[in-house]
Amino acid sequence: MLSDVPVRSGYLEAQAGVSSLTGAYVRLEGGARLRDNLGVFGFAEANARERMAGAGIRYTFG
């Protein structure tokens, strides 16, 4: 759950790796927690074949 993650206000994550389907890739994601159960994030990912980016909202409950 997002509320279990030890993050006070935001995060930044970077990844690099190799996939058997697409080859080498890089990914960058950053986000911010607005409340204990609500956060926003954005990401960008690139490999040899494609580039993608997006944004989203994470809401946890229960």
Protein backbone atom coordinates (compact mmCIF):
# COMPACT_ATOMS: atom_id res chain seq x y z
CA MET A 1 0.00 0.00 0.00
CA LEU A 2 1.17 3.51 -0.71
CA SER A 3 0.62 4.49 2.92
CA ASP A 4 3.11 1.76 3.98
CA VAL A 5 5.94 3.20 1.85
CA PRO A 6 8.39 5.18 4.01
CA VAL A 7 8.21 8.34 1.90
CA ARG A 8 7.31 11.67 3.41
CA SER A 9 6.70 13.90 0.41
CA GLY A 10 8.14 12.45 -2.78
CA TYR A 11 10.42 10.01 -4.54
CA LEU A 12 12.59 9.61 -7.61
CA GLU A 13 13.49 6.22 -9.07
CA ALA A 14 15.80 5.41 -11.99
CA GLN A 15 16.23 1.99 -13.60
CA ALA A 16 18.33 0.57 -16.40
CA GLY A 17 18.29 -3.01 -17.60
CA VAL A 18 18.06 -5.49 -20.42
CA SER A 19 14.90 -7.23 -21.59
CA SER A 20 14.87 -10.34 -23.77
CA LEU A 21 12.04 -8.77 -25.82
CA THR A 22 13.19 -5.16 -26.29
CA GLY A 23 16.90 -5.12 -25.41
CA ALA A 24 18.35 -2.37 -23.24
CA TYR A 25 15.98 0.09 -21.57
CA VAL A 26 15.99 3.01 -19.16
CA ARG A 27 13.13 4.19 -16.96
CA LEU A 28 12.68 7.24 -14.75
CA GLU A 29 9.78 7.73 -12.35
CA GLY A 30 9.04 10.46 -9.85
CA GLY A 31 6.10 11.15 -7.62
CA ALA A 32 4.71 12.98 -4.65
CA ARG A 33 2.43 11.97 -1.82
CA LEU A 34 -0.38 14.48 -1.37
CA ARG A 35 -2.01 12.67 1.58
CA ASP A 36 -1.43 9.37 3.39
CA ASN A 37 -3.61 7.55 0.86
CA LEU A 38 -3.19 9.74 -2.26
CA GLY A 39 -0.18 10.25 -4.50
CA VAL A 40 0.66 11.36 -8.03
CA PHE A 41 3.46 10.14 -10.29
CA GLY A 42 4.95 10.55 -13.75
CA PHE A 43 7.27 8.27 -15.70
CA ALA A 44 9.31 8.06 -18.89
CA GLU A 45 10.73 4.89 -20.41
CA ALA A 46 12.83 4.32 -23.53
CA ASN A 47 14.27 1.35 -25.38
CA ALA A 48 15.61 0.79 -28.88
CA ARG A 49 12.12 0.42 -30.39
CA GLU A 50 9.90 2.88 -28.55
CA ARG A 51 9.58 5.73 -26.11
CA MET A 52 6.71 6.24 -23.70
CA ALA A 53 5.69 8.59 -20.93
CA GLY A 54 2.71 8.91 -18.66
CA ALA A 55 1.25 10.17 -15.43
CA GLY A 56 -1.12 8.74 -12.88
CA ILE A 57 -2.74 8.91 -9.49
CA ARG A 58 -2.38 6.30 -6.75
CA TYR A 59 -5.20 6.01 -4.26
CA THR A 60 -5.07 3.36 -1.55
CA PHE A 61 -7.89 2.22 0.71
CA GLY A 62 -8.73 -0.54 3.10
